[in-house]
């Protein structure tokens, strides 16, 4: 069922190591990951500011 939904789909051969220079279909680039990390920190900060003691 998961393979029919597209989960677990590999675009590289099983048993081979991942190459840093290769780009895979389901891979996010570093700038997107950095943006998500920054957004998470800002969200945590905002939640901390909104807490009422």
Protein backbone atom coordinates (compact mmCIF):
# COMPACT_ATOMS: atom_id res chain seq x y z
CA UNK A 1 0.00 0.00 0.00
CA UNK A 2 2.78 2.44 0.88
CA UNK A 3 4.53 1.89 -2.44
CA UNK A 4 1.27 2.63 -4.26
CA UNK A 5 1.04 5.98 -2.47
CA UNK A 6 4.61 6.82 -3.42
CA UNK A 7 6.14 6.42 0.02
CA UNK A 8 9.38 4.55 0.26
CA UNK A 9 10.12 5.18 -3.41
CA UNK A 10 13.84 5.19 -4.01
CA UNK A 11 15.45 6.85 -7.00
CA UNK A 12 18.80 5.30 -6.22
CA UNK A 13 19.78 1.63 -6.36
CA UNK A 14 19.39 -0.32 -3.18
CA UNK A 15 22.71 -1.28 -1.63
CA UNK A 16 24.58 1.71 -3.04
CA UNK A 17 25.66 4.58 -0.85
CA UNK A 18 24.18 8.03 -1.41
CA UNK A 19 26.44 10.37 -3.34
CA UNK A 20 26.72 13.93 -2.05
CA UNK A 21 27.07 15.29 -5.57
CA UNK A 22 23.95 13.53 -6.90
CA UNK A 23 20.51 15.13 -6.75
CA UNK A 24 17.55 12.89 -6.00
CA UNK A 25 13.89 13.56 -6.84
CA UNK A 26 12.68 13.61 -3.23
CA UNK A 27 15.57 15.65 -1.80
CA UNK A 28 15.19 19.18 -0.41
CA UNK A 29 18.01 21.62 -1.07
CA UNK A 30 19.99 23.21 1.77
CA UNK A 31 18.39 26.65 1.50
CA UNK A 32 14.90 25.17 1.99
CA UNK A 33 16.09 23.21 5.03
CA UNK A 34 17.73 26.33 6.49
CA UNK A 35 14.50 28.29 6.03
CA UNK A 36 12.46 25.58 7.75
CA UNK A 37 14.89 25.53 10.69
CA UNK A 38 14.70 29.32 11.07
CA UNK A 39 10.92 29.25 10.85
CA UNK A 40 10.82 26.59 13.58
CA UNK A 41 12.97 28.69 15.90
CA UNK A 42 10.82 31.76 15.29
CA UNK A 43 7.67 29.74 15.97
CA UNK A 44 9.13 28.42 19.25
CA UNK A 45 10.08 31.98 20.23
CA UNK A 46 6.57 33.22 19.43
CA UNK A 47 4.97 30.45 21.50
CA UNK A 48 7.24 31.33 24.40
CA UNK A 49 6.23 34.99 24.18
CA UNK A 50 2.51 34.14 24.13
CA UNK A 51 2.59 31.89 27.20
CA UNK A 52 0.86 33.39 30.23
CA UNK A 53 2.28 32.40 33.59
